[in-house]
Amino acid sequence: MSTMGRHTPRSRSIRHHVPALRLTRFVQQTGRLLCWSLTAGMTTAALELLITPEAAWWHMMWPLPWYLTCVSAPLWAALRAHEKAARQQAREEDNDIPGEWEQAA
């Protein structure tokens, strides 16, 4: 039998996992941005080394993926740490709720 005014474990855990799922999506998108910017940076560096394009805009454009990598790496690390902390906090809050067997005892 449940106590009046007390949330059930199911409704409480759903409420805390929705922001974690949204945060996970941001972490995944930032991770993809990091990977693609690294790929583009390595590709443009190889082109610069092997082919040395003569276009006037090339010398300004080929380092741009490296700048994007420098921005996305710390952003991904901060978001990932925040995601892990949110998941750990959600697990700890879920453990605070006594189960059916603990209430019976």
PDB file of N, CA and C in Angstrom:
ATOM      1  N   MET A   1       0.841  -1.157   0.000  1.00  0.00           N
ATOM      2  CA  MET A   1       0.000   0.000   0.000  1.00  0.00           C
ATOM      3  C   MET A   1       0.897   1.234   0.000  1.00  0.00           C
ATOM      4  N   SER A   2       0.553   2.232  -0.810  1.00  0.00           N
ATOM      5  CA  SER A   2       1.393   3.429  -0.901  1.00  0.00           C
ATOM      6  C   SER A   2       0.936   4.494   0.082  1.00  0.00           C
ATOM      7  N   THR A   3       1.876   5.317   0.473  1.00  0.00           N
ATOM      8  CA  THR A   3       1.597   6.402   1.401  1.00  0.00           C
ATOM      9  C   THR A   3       1.042   7.593   0.623  1.00  0.00           C
ATOM     10  N   MET A   4       0.091   8.290   1.190  1.00  0.00           N
ATOM     11  CA  MET A   4      -0.494   9.451   0.523  1.00  0.00           C
ATOM     12  C   MET A   4       0.566  10.539   0.323  1.00  0.00           C
ATOM     13  N   GLY A   5       0.537  11.173  -0.842  1.00  0.00           N
ATOM     14  CA  GLY A   5       1.452  12.267  -1.117  1.00  0.00           C
ATOM     15  C   GLY A   5       2.840  11.833  -1.528  1.00  0.00           C
ATOM     16  N   ARG A   6       3.033  10.551  -1.719  1.00  0.00           N
ATOM     17  CA  ARG A   6       4.357  10.050  -2.088  1.00  0.00           C
ATOM     18  C   ARG A   6       4.337   9.618  -3.550  1.00  0.00           C
ATOM     19  N   HIS A   7       5.395   9.958  -4.268  1.00  0.00           N
ATOM     20  CA  HIS A   7       5.485   9.590  -5.679  1.00  0.00           C
ATOM     21  C   HIS A   7       5.882   8.133  -5.814  1.00  0.00           C
ATOM     22  N   THR A   8       5.382   7.507  -6.845  1.00  0.00           N
ATOM     23  CA  THR A   8       5.800   6.141  -7.118  1.00  0.00           C
ATOM     24  C   THR A   8       7.184   6.179  -7.757  1.00  0.00           C
ATOM     25  N   PRO A   9       7.967   5.134  -7.632  1.00  0.00           N
ATOM     26  CA  PRO A   9       9.306   5.123  -8.223  1.00  0.00           C
ATOM     27  C   PRO A   9       9.293   5.338  -9.729  1.00  0.00           C
ATOM     28  N   ARG A  10       8.301   4.825 -10.416  1.00  0.00           N
ATOM     29  CA  ARG A  10       8.262   4.930 -11.868  1.00  0.00           C
ATOM     30  C   ARG A  10       8.096   6.387 -12.312  1.00  0.00           C
ATOM     31  N   SER A  11       7.161   7.121 -11.729  1.00  0.00           N
ATOM     32  CA  SER A  11       6.948   8.509 -12.149  1.00  0.00           C
ATOM     33  C   SER A  11       8.139   9.385 -11.779  1.00  0.00           C
ATOM     34  N   ARG A  12       8.776   9.087 -10.688  1.00  0.00           N
ATOM     35  CA  ARG A  12       9.918   9.889 -10.262  1.00  0.00           C
ATOM     36  C   ARG A  12      11.120   9.666 -11.176  1.00  0.00           C
ATOM     37  N   SER A  13      11.372   8.437 -11.575  1.00  0.00           N
ATOM     38  CA  SER A  13      12.538   8.161 -12.414  1.00  0.00           C
ATOM     39  C   SER A  13      12.340   8.702 -13.825  1.00  0.00           C
ATOM     40  N   ILE A  14      11.131   8.695 -14.339  1.00  0.00           N
ATOM     41  CA  ILE A  14      10.883   9.234 -15.673  1.00  0.00           C
ATOM     42  C   ILE A  14      11.146  10.736 -15.675  1.00  0.00           C
ATOM     43  N   ARG A  15      10.728  11.423 -14.647  1.00  0.00           N
ATOM     44  CA  ARG A  15      10.896  12.860 -14.580  1.00  0.00           C
ATOM     45  C   ARG A  15      12.375  13.248 -14.595  1.00  0.00           C
ATOM     46  N   HIS A  16      13.246  12.459 -13.981  1.00  0.00           N
ATOM     47  CA  HIS A  16      14.659  12.803 -13.913  1.00  0.00           C
ATOM     48  C   HIS A  16      15.431  12.373 -15.150  1.00  0.00           C
ATOM     49  N   HIS A  17      14.936  11.432 -15.915  1.00  0.00           N
ATOM     50  CA  HIS A  17      15.683  10.943 -17.068  1.00  0.00           C
ATOM     51  C   HIS A  17      15.414  11.739 -18.336  1.00  0.00           C
ATOM     52  N   VAL A  18      14.356  12.513 -18.388  1.00  0.00           N
ATOM     53  CA  VAL A  18      14.077  13.294 -19.586  1.00  0.00           C
ATOM     54  C   VAL A  18      15.175  14.319 -19.851  1.00  0.00           C
ATOM     55  N   PRO A  19      15.606  15.138 -18.864  1.00  0.00           N
ATOM     56  CA  PRO A  19      16.716  16.047 -19.142  1.00  0.00           C
ATOM     57  C   PRO A  19      18.009  15.304 -19.467  1.00  0.00           C
ATOM     58  N   ALA A  20      18.218  14.146 -18.871  1.00  0.00           N
ATOM     59  CA  ALA A  20      19.430  13.376 -19.165  1.00  0.00           C
ATOM     60  C   ALA A  20      19.433  12.914 -20.618  1.00  0.00           C
ATOM     61  N   LEU A  21      18.263  12.543 -21.152  1.00  0.00           N
ATOM     62  CA  LEU A  21      18.196  12.137 -22.553  1.00  0.00           C
ATOM     63  C   LEU A  21      18.484  13.315 -23.478  1.00  0.00           C
ATOM     64  N   ARG A  22      17.978  14.485 -23.126  1.00  0.00           N
ATOM     65  CA  ARG A  22      18.232  15.671 -23.930  1.00  0.00           C
ATOM     66  C   ARG A  22      19.714  16.025 -23.887  1.00  0.00           C
ATOM     67  N   LEU A  23      20.316  15.909 -22.722  1.00  0.00           N
ATOM     68  CA  LEU A  23      21.738  16.186 -22.573  1.00  0.00           C
ATOM     69  C   LEU A  23      22.563  15.168 -23.367  1.00  0.00           C
ATOM     70  N   THR A  24      22.125  13.917 -23.367  1.00  0.00           N
ATOM     71  CA  THR A  24      22.817  12.888 -24.135  1.00  0.00           C
ATOM     72  C   THR A  24      22.820  13.225 -25.621  1.00  0.00           C
ATOM     73  N   ARG A  25      21.705  13.746 -26.108  1.00  0.00           N
ATOM     74  CA  ARG A  25      21.623  14.130 -27.512  1.00  0.00           C
ATOM     75  C   ARG A  25      22.627  15.245 -27.834  1.00  0.00           C
ATOM     76  N   PHE A  26      22.762  16.236 -26.949  1.00  0.00           N
ATOM     77  CA  PHE A  26      23.739  17.307 -27.159  1.00  0.00           C
ATOM     78  C   PHE A  26      25.162  16.774 -27.136  1.00  0.00           C
ATOM     79  N   VAL A  27      25.431  15.843 -26.230  1.00  0.00           N
ATOM     80  CA  VAL A  27      26.768  15.245 -26.144  1.00  0.00           C
ATOM     81  C   VAL A  27      27.084  14.484 -27.429  1.00  0.00           C
ATOM     82  N   GLN A  28      26.118  13.733 -27.938  1.00  0.00           N
ATOM     83  CA  GLN A  28      26.332  12.983 -29.180  1.00  0.00           C
ATOM     84  C   GLN A  28      26.578  13.914 -30.360  1.00  0.00           C
ATOM     85  N   GLN A  29      25.795  14.970 -30.461  1.00  0.00           N
ATOM     86  CA  GLN A  29      25.967  15.904 -31.571  1.00  0.00           C
ATOM     87  C   GLN A  29      27.304  16.628 -31.493  1.00  0.00           C
ATOM     88  N   THR A  30      27.717  17.003 -30.297  1.00  0.00           N
ATOM     89  CA  THR A  30      29.012  17.659 -30.132  1.00  0.00           C
ATOM     90  C   THR A  30      30.150  16.685 -30.427  1.00  0.00           C
ATOM     91  N   GLY A  31      29.984  15.425 -30.041  1.00  0.00           N
ATOM     92  CA  GLY A  31      30.984  14.409 -30.365  1.00  0.00           C
ATOM     93  C   GLY A  31      31.113  14.189 -31.863  1.00  0.00           C
ATOM     94  N   ARG A  32      29.979  14.186 -32.552  1.00  0.00           N
ATOM     95  CA  ARG A  32      30.028  14.067 -34.022  1.00  0.00           C
ATOM     96  C   ARG A  32      30.714  15.267 -34.649  1.00  0.00           C
ATOM     97  N   LEU A  33      30.412  16.464 -34.144  1.00  0.00           N
ATOM     98  CA  LEU A  33      31.068  17.666 -34.643  1.00  0.00           C
ATOM     99  C   LEU A  33      32.576  17.573 -34.437  1.00  0.00           C
ATOM    100  N   LEU A  34      32.989  17.090 -33.281  1.00  0.00           N
ATOM    101  CA  LEU A  34      34.412  16.928 -32.994  1.00  0.00           C
ATOM    102  C   LEU A  34      35.060  15.944 -33.972  1.00  0.00           C
ATOM    103  N   CYS A  35      34.422  14.804 -34.190  1.00  0.00           N
ATOM    104  CA  CYS A  35      34.986  13.802 -35.102  1.00  0.00           C
ATOM    105  C   CYS A  35      35.071  14.317 -36.534  1.00  0.00           C
ATOM    106  N   TRP A  36      34.014  14.968 -36.993  1.00  0.00           N
ATOM    107  CA  TRP A  36      34.013  15.475 -38.361  1.00  0.00           C
ATOM    108  C   TRP A  36      35.000  16.620 -38.534  1.00  0.00           C
ATOM    109  N   SER A  37      35.153  17.453 -37.530  1.00  0.00           N
ATOM    110  CA  SER A  37      36.124  18.535 -37.658  1.00  0.00           C
ATOM    111  C   SER A  37      37.556  17.984 -37.652  1.00  0.00           C
ATOM    112  N   LEU A  38      37.799  16.934 -36.873  1.00  0.00           N
ATOM    113  CA  LEU A  38      39.118  16.287 -36.925  1.00  0.00           C
ATOM    114  C   LEU A  38      39.376  15.663 -38.296  1.00  0.00           C
ATOM    115  N   THR A  39      38.356  15.027 -38.849  1.00  0.00           N
ATOM    116  CA  THR A  39      38.492  14.422 -40.183  1.00  0.00           C
ATOM    117  C   THR A  39      38.771  15.489 -41.226  1.00  0.00           C
ATOM    118  N   ALA A  40      38.014  16.563 -41.176  1.00  0.00           N
ATOM    119  CA  ALA A  40      38.216  17.646 -42.143  1.00  0.00           C
ATOM    120  C   ALA A  40      39.587  18.295 -41.946  1.00  0.00           C
ATOM    121  N   GLY A  41      40.006  18.453 -40.696  1.00  0.00           N
ATOM    122  CA  GLY A  41      41.318  19.042 -40.432  1.00  0.00           C
ATOM    123  C   GLY A  41      42.458  18.195 -40.965  1.00  0.00           C
ATOM    124  N   MET A  42      42.370  16.894 -40.764  1.00  0.00           N
ATOM    125  CA  MET A  42      43.414  16.001 -41.276  1.00  0.00           C
ATOM    126  C   MET A  42      43.411  15.964 -42.800  1.00  0.00           C
ATOM    127  N   THR A  43      42.230  15.990 -43.390  1.00  0.00           N
ATOM    128  CA  THR A  43      42.125  15.972 -44.850  1.00  0.00           C
ATOM    129  C   THR A  43      42.701  17.249 -45.447  1.00  0.00           C
ATOM    130  N   THR A  44      42.324  18.399 -44.889  1.00  0.00           N
ATOM    131  CA  THR A  44      42.860  19.657 -45.438  1.00  0.00           C
ATOM    132  C   THR A  44      44.365  19.787 -45.186  1.00  0.00           C
ATOM    133  N   ALA A  45      44.850  19.262 -44.073  1.00  0.00           N
ATOM    134  CA  ALA A  45      46.295  19.297 -43.818  1.00  0.00           C
ATOM    135  C   ALA A  45      47.034  18.419 -44.825  1.00  0.00           C
ATOM    136  N   ALA A  46      46.454  17.262 -45.148  1.00  0.00           N
ATOM    137  CA  ALA A  46      47.083  16.392 -46.144  1.00  0.00           C
ATOM    138  C   ALA A  46      47.066  17.049 -47.525  1.00  0.00           C
ATOM    139  N   LEU A  47      45.961  17.694 -47.864  1.00  0.00           N
ATOM    140  CA  LEU A  47      45.904  18.402 -49.148  1.00  0.00           C
ATOM    141  C   LEU A  47      46.920  19.535 -49.197  1.00  0.00           C
ATOM    142  N   GLU A  48      47.041  20.251 -48.104  1.00  0.00           N
ATOM    143  CA  GLU A  48      48.015  21.348 -48.040  1.00  0.00           C
ATOM    144  C   GLU A  48      49.433  20.823 -48.215  1.00  0.00           C
ATOM    145  N   LEU A  49      49.720  19.679 -47.631  1.00  0.00           N
ATOM    146  CA  LEU A  49      51.064  19.107 -47.705  1.00  0.00           C
ATOM    147  C   LEU A  49      51.357  18.503 -49.077  1.00  0.00           C
ATOM    148  N   LEU A  50      50.392  17.756 -49.616  1.00  0.00           N
ATOM    149  CA  LEU A  50      50.654  17.002 -50.845  1.00  0.00           C
ATOM    150  C   LEU A  50      50.386  17.803 -52.122  1.00  0.00           C
ATOM    151  N   ILE A  51      49.303  18.515 -52.157  1.00  0.00           N
ATOM    152  CA  ILE A  51      48.903  19.177 -53.402  1.00  0.00           C
ATOM    153  C   ILE A  51      49.260  20.657 -53.406  1.00  0.00           C
ATOM    154  N   THR A  52      49.194  21.306 -52.285  1.00  0.00           N
ATOM    155  CA  THR A  52      49.414  22.739 -52.124  1.00  0.00           C
ATOM    156  C   THR A  52      48.563  23.523 -53.121  1.00  0.00           C
ATOM    157  N   PRO A  53      47.259  23.610 -52.862  1.00  0.00           N
ATOM    158  CA  PRO A  53      46.371  24.343 -53.777  1.00  0.00           C
ATOM    159  C   PRO A  53      46.792  25.807 -53.912  1.00  0.00           C
ATOM    160  N   GLU A  54      46.605  26.343 -55.095  1.00  0.00           N
ATOM    161  CA  GLU A  54      47.031  27.715 -55.390  1.00  0.00           C
ATOM    162  C   GLU A  54      45.904  28.731 -55.279  1.00  0.00           C
ATOM    163  N   ALA A  55      44.715  28.316 -54.865  1.00  0.00           N
ATOM    164  CA  ALA A  55      43.606  29.259 -54.729  1.00  0.00           C
ATOM    165  C   ALA A  55      43.932  30.286 -53.655  1.00  0.00           C
ATOM    166  N   ALA A  56      43.488  31.518 -53.880  1.00  0.00           N
ATOM    167  CA  ALA A  56      43.804  32.599 -52.948  1.00  0.00           C
ATOM    168  C   ALA A  56      43.137  32.385 -51.586  1.00  0.00           C
ATOM    169  N   TRP A  57      41.978  31.780 -51.554  1.00  0.00           N
ATOM    170  CA  TRP A  57      41.226  31.581 -50.316  1.00  0.00           C
ATOM    171  C   TRP A  57      41.702  30.359 -49.537  1.00  0.00           C
ATOM    172  N   TRP A  58      42.473  29.493 -50.153  1.00  0.00           N
ATOM    173  CA  TRP A  58      42.851  28.231 -49.513  1.00  0.00           C
ATOM    174  C   TRP A  58      43.678  28.442 -48.247  1.00  0.00           C
ATOM    175  N   HIS A  59      44.587  29.391 -48.262  1.00  0.00           N
ATOM    176  CA  HIS A  59      45.477  29.595 -47.122  1.00  0.00           C
ATOM    177  C   HIS A  59      44.736  30.111 -45.891  1.00  0.00           C
ATOM    178  N   MET A  60      43.590  30.724 -46.115  1.00  0.00           N
ATOM    179  CA  MET A  60      42.777  31.166 -44.984  1.00  0.00           C
ATOM    180  C   MET A  60      41.790  30.086 -44.547  1.00  0.00           C
ATOM    181  N   MET A  61      41.384  29.207 -45.452  1.00  0.00           N
ATOM    182  CA  MET A  61      40.324  28.252 -45.161  1.00  0.00           C
ATOM    183  C   MET A  61      40.816  26.912 -44.608  1.00  0.00           C
ATOM    184  N   TRP A  62      41.996  26.456 -44.966  1.00  0.00           N
ATOM    185  CA  TRP A  62      42.384  25.106 -44.550  1.00  0.00           C
ATOM    186  C   TRP A  62      42.576  24.961 -43.038  1.00  0.00           C
ATOM    187  N   PRO A  63      42.923  26.004 -42.269  1.00  0.00           N
ATOM    188  CA  PRO A  63      43.021  25.809 -40.812  1.00  0.00           C
ATOM    189  C   PRO A  63      41.678  25.876 -40.084  1.00  0.00           C
ATOM    190  N   LEU A  64      40.600  26.267 -40.747  1.00  0.00           N
ATOM    191  CA  LEU A  64      39.309  26.407 -40.072  1.00  0.00           C
ATOM    192  C   LEU A  64      38.829  25.140 -39.360  1.00  0.00           C
ATOM    193  N   PRO A  65      38.960  23.947 -39.943  1.00  0.00           N
ATOM    194  CA  PRO A  65      38.542  22.752 -39.184  1.00  0.00           C
ATOM    195  C   PRO A  65      39.333  22.557 -37.889  1.00  0.00           C
ATOM    196  N   TRP A  66      40.584  22.988 -37.861  1.00  0.00           N
ATOM    197  CA  TRP A  66      41.368  22.870 -36.632  1.00  0.00           C
ATOM    198  C   TRP A  66      40.865  23.837 -35.575  1.00  0.00           C
ATOM    199  N   TYR A  67      40.439  25.022 -35.990  1.00  0.00           N
ATOM    200  CA  TYR A  67      39.850  25.963 -35.031  1.00  0.00           C
ATOM    201  C   TYR A  67      38.543  25.400 -34.469  1.00  0.00           C
ATOM    202  N   LEU A  68      37.759  24.778 -35.340  1.00  0.00           N
ATOM    203  CA  LEU A  68      36.509  24.168 -34.896  1.00  0.00           C
ATOM    204  C   LEU A  68      36.777  23.014 -33.933  1.00  0.00           C
ATOM    205  N   THR A  69      37.842  22.278 -34.173  1.00  0.00           N
ATOM    206  CA  THR A  69      38.230  21.199 -33.256  1.00  0.00           C
ATOM    207  C   THR A  69      38.611  21.762 -31.892  1.00  0.00           C
ATOM    208  N   CYS A  70      39.339  22.866 -31.892  1.00  0.00           N
ATOM    209  CA  CYS A  70      39.746  23.482 -30.620  1.00  0.00           C
ATOM    210  C   CYS A  70      38.554  23.995 -29.821  1.00  0.00           C
ATOM    211  N   VAL A  71      37.481  24.346 -30.492  1.00  0.00           N
ATOM    212  CA  VAL A  71      36.285  24.810 -29.800  1.00  0.00           C
ATOM    213  C   VAL A  71      35.425  23.625 -29.354  1.00  0.00           C
ATOM    214  N   SER A  72      35.290  22.629 -30.214  1.00  0.00           N
ATOM    215  CA  SER A  72      34.366  21.524 -29.920  1.00  0.00           C
ATOM    216  C   SER A  72      34.927  20.528 -28.902  1.00  0.00           C
ATOM    217  N   ALA A  73      36.234  20.370 -28.793  1.00  0.00           N
ATOM    218  CA  ALA A  73      36.804  19.408 -27.838  1.00  0.00           C
ATOM    219  C   ALA A  73      36.503  19.786 -26.381  1.00  0.00           C
ATOM    220  N   PRO A  74      36.771  21.013 -25.943  1.00  0.00           N
ATOM    221  CA  PRO A  74      36.421  21.346 -24.552  1.00  0.00           C
ATOM    222  C   PRO A  74      34.908  21.382 -24.316  1.00  0.00           C
ATOM    223  N   LEU A  75      34.157  21.781 -25.338  1.00  0.00           N
ATOM    224  CA  LEU A  75      32.701  21.789 -25.203  1.00  0.00           C
ATOM    225  C   LEU A  75      32.182  20.369 -25.000  1.00  0.00           C
ATOM    226  N   TRP A  76      32.697  19.415 -25.790  1.00  0.00           N
ATOM    227  CA  TRP A  76      32.277  18.022 -25.643  1.00  0.00           C
ATOM    228  C   TRP A  76      32.681  17.484 -24.268  1.00  0.00           C
ATOM    229  N   ALA A  77      33.890  17.808 -23.820  1.00  0.00           N
ATOM    230  CA  ALA A  77      34.355  17.312 -22.514  1.00  0.00           C
ATOM    231  C   ALA A  77      33.483  17.851 -21.385  1.00  0.00           C
ATOM    232  N   ALA A  78      33.124  19.121 -21.445  1.00  0.00           N
ATOM    233  CA  ALA A  78      32.287  19.703 -20.397  1.00  0.00           C
ATOM    234  C   ALA A  78      30.879  19.098 -20.411  1.00  0.00           C
ATOM    235  N   LEU A  79      30.302  18.944 -21.601  1.00  0.00           N
ATOM    236  CA  LEU A  79      28.973  18.342 -21.699  1.00  0.00           C
ATOM    237  C   LEU A  79      28.981  16.891 -21.234  1.00  0.00           C
ATOM    238  N   ARG A  80      30.024  16.157 -21.581  1.00  0.00           N
ATOM    239  CA  ARG A  80      30.118  14.751 -21.178  1.00  0.00           C
ATOM    240  C   ARG A  80      30.236  14.621 -19.662  1.00  0.00           C
ATOM    241  N   ALA A  81      31.026  15.484 -19.043  1.00  0.00           N
ATOM    242  CA  ALA A  81      31.152  15.451 -17.585  1.00  0.00           C
ATOM    243  C   ALA A  81      29.823  15.796 -16.922  1.00  0.00           C
ATOM    244  N   HIS A  82      29.109  16.761 -17.479  1.00  0.00           N
ATOM    245  CA  HIS A  82      27.799  17.139 -16.934  1.00  0.00           C
ATOM    246  C   HIS A  82      26.796  15.991 -17.101  1.00  0.00           C
ATOM    247  N   GLU A  83      26.869  15.304 -18.245  1.00  0.00           N
ATOM    248  CA  GLU A  83      25.976  14.157 -18.477  1.00  0.00           C
ATOM    249  C   GLU A  83      26.240  13.036 -17.475  1.00  0.00           C
ATOM    250  N   LYS A  84      27.505  12.732 -17.238  1.00  0.00           N
ATOM    251  CA  LYS A  84      27.848  11.684 -16.273  1.00  0.00           C
ATOM    252  C   LYS A  84      27.389  12.050 -14.871  1.00  0.00           C
ATOM    253  N   ALA A  85      27.554  13.308 -14.490  1.00  0.00           N
ATOM    254  CA  ALA A  85      27.121  13.755 -13.166  1.00  0.00           C
ATOM    255  C   ALA A  85      25.603  13.661 -13.036  1.00  0.00           C
ATOM    256  N   ALA A  86      24.878  14.013 -14.092  1.00  0.00           N
ATOM    257  CA  ALA A  86      23.413  13.941 -14.057  1.00  0.00           C
ATOM    258  C   ALA A  86      22.946  12.491 -13.943  1.00  0.00           C
ATOM    259  N   ARG A  87      23.599  11.595 -14.658  1.00  0.00           N
ATOM    260  CA  ARG A  87      23.217  10.180 -14.566  1.00  0.00           C
ATOM    261  C   ARG A  87      23.531   9.608 -13.187  1.00  0.00           C
ATOM    262  N   GLN A  88      24.670   9.988 -12.625  1.00  0.00           N
ATOM    263  CA  GLN A  88      25.032   9.510 -11.296  1.00  0.00           C
ATOM    264  C   GLN A  88      24.040  10.016 -10.262  1.00  0.00           C
ATOM    265  N   GLN A  89      23.646  11.280 -10.383  1.00  0.00           N
ATOM    266  CA  GLN A  89      22.683  11.855  -9.450  1.00  0.00           C
ATOM    267  C   GLN A  89      21.325  11.166  -9.590  1.00  0.00           C
ATOM    268  N   ALA A  90      20.912  10.863 -10.811  1.00  0.00           N
ATOM    269  CA  ALA A  90      19.638  10.178 -11.019  1.00  0.00           C
ATOM    270  C   ALA A  90      19.681   8.776 -10.411  1.00  0.00           C
ATOM    271  N   ARG A  91      20.817   8.082 -10.542  1.00  0.00           N
ATOM    272  CA  ARG A  91      20.944   6.746  -9.945  1.00  0.00           C
ATOM    273  C   ARG A  91      20.865   6.814  -8.422  1.00  0.00           C
ATOM    274  N   GLU A  92      21.532   7.810  -7.845  1.00  0.00           N
ATOM    275  CA  GLU A  92      21.515   7.949  -6.387  1.00  0.00           C
ATOM    276  C   GLU A  92      20.114   8.279  -5.886  1.00  0.00           C
ATOM    277  N   GLU A  93      19.380   9.107  -6.609  1.00  0.00           N
ATOM    278  CA  GLU A  93      18.020   9.454  -6.198  1.00  0.00           C
ATOM    279  C   GLU A  93      17.089   8.258  -6.337  1.00  0.00           C
ATOM    280  N   ASP A  94      17.317   7.445  -7.361  1.00  0.00           N
ATOM    281  CA  ASP A  94      16.501   6.239  -7.528  1.00  0.00           C
ATOM    282  C   ASP A  94      16.780   5.227  -6.423  1.00  0.00           C
ATOM    283  N   ASN A  95      18.014   5.200  -5.929  1.00  0.00           N
ATOM    284  CA  ASN A  95      18.365   4.269  -4.855  1.00  0.00           C
ATOM    285  C   ASN A  95      17.785   4.706  -3.517  1.00  0.00           C
ATOM    286  N   ASP A  96      17.450   5.990  -3.372  1.00  0.00           N
ATOM    287  CA  ASP A  96      16.886   6.492  -2.121  1.00  0.00           C
ATOM    288  C   ASP A  96      15.449   6.027  -1.901  1.00  0.00           C
ATOM    289  N   ILE A  97      14.762   5.650  -2.949  1.00  0.00           N
ATOM    290  CA  ILE A  97      13.371   5.233  -2.842  1.00  0.00           C
ATOM    291  C   ILE A  97      13.340   3.786  -2.354  1.00  0.00           C
ATOM    292  N   PRO A  98      12.708   3.522  -1.245  1.00  0.00           N
ATOM    293  CA  PRO A  98      12.647   2.135  -0.775  1.00  0.00           C
ATOM    294  C   PRO A  98      11.773   1.283  -1.695  1.00  0.00           C
ATOM    295  N   GLY A  99      12.220   0.079  -1.950  1.00  0.00           N
ATOM    296  CA  GLY A  99      11.457  -0.834  -2.775  1.00  0.00           C
ATOM    297  C   GLY A  99      10.327  -1.477  -1.995  1.00  0.00           C
ATOM    298  N   GLU A 100       9.545  -2.290  -2.678  1.00  0.00           N
ATOM    299  CA  GLU A 100       8.406  -2.950  -2.038  1.00  0.00           C
ATOM    300  C   GLU A 100       8.862  -3.882  -0.920  1.00  0.00           C
ATOM    301  N   TRP A 101       9.969  -4.583  -1.120  1.00  0.00           N
ATOM    302  CA  TRP A 101      10.448  -5.544  -0.111  1.00  0.00           C
ATOM    303  C   TRP A 101      10.980  -4.816   1.124  1.00  0.00           C
ATOM    304  N   GLU A 102      11.619  -3.652   0.917  1.00  0.00           N
ATOM    305  CA  GLU A 102      12.145  -2.896   2.053  1.00  0.00           C
ATOM    306  C   GLU A 102      11.016  -2.307   2.874  1.00  0.00           C
ATOM    307  N   GLN A 103       9.931  -1.891   2.240  1.00  0.00           N
ATOM    308  CA  GLN A 103       8.795  -1.340   2.965  1.00  0.00           C
ATOM    309  C   GLN A 103       8.103  -2.428   3.778  1.00  0.00           C
ATOM    310  N   ALA A 104       8.028  -3.623   3.248  1.00  0.00           N
ATOM    311  CA  ALA A 104       7.353  -4.716   3.943  1.00  0.00           C
ATOM    312  C   ALA A 104       8.129  -5.124   5.193  1.00  0.00           C
ATOM    313  N   ALA A 105       9.445  -5.020   5.133  1.00  0.00           N
ATOM    314  CA  ALA A 105      10.260  -5.405   6.272  1.00  0.00           C
ATOM    315  C   ALA A 105      10.169  -4.326   7.313  1.00  0.00           C
TER     316      ALA A 105
END
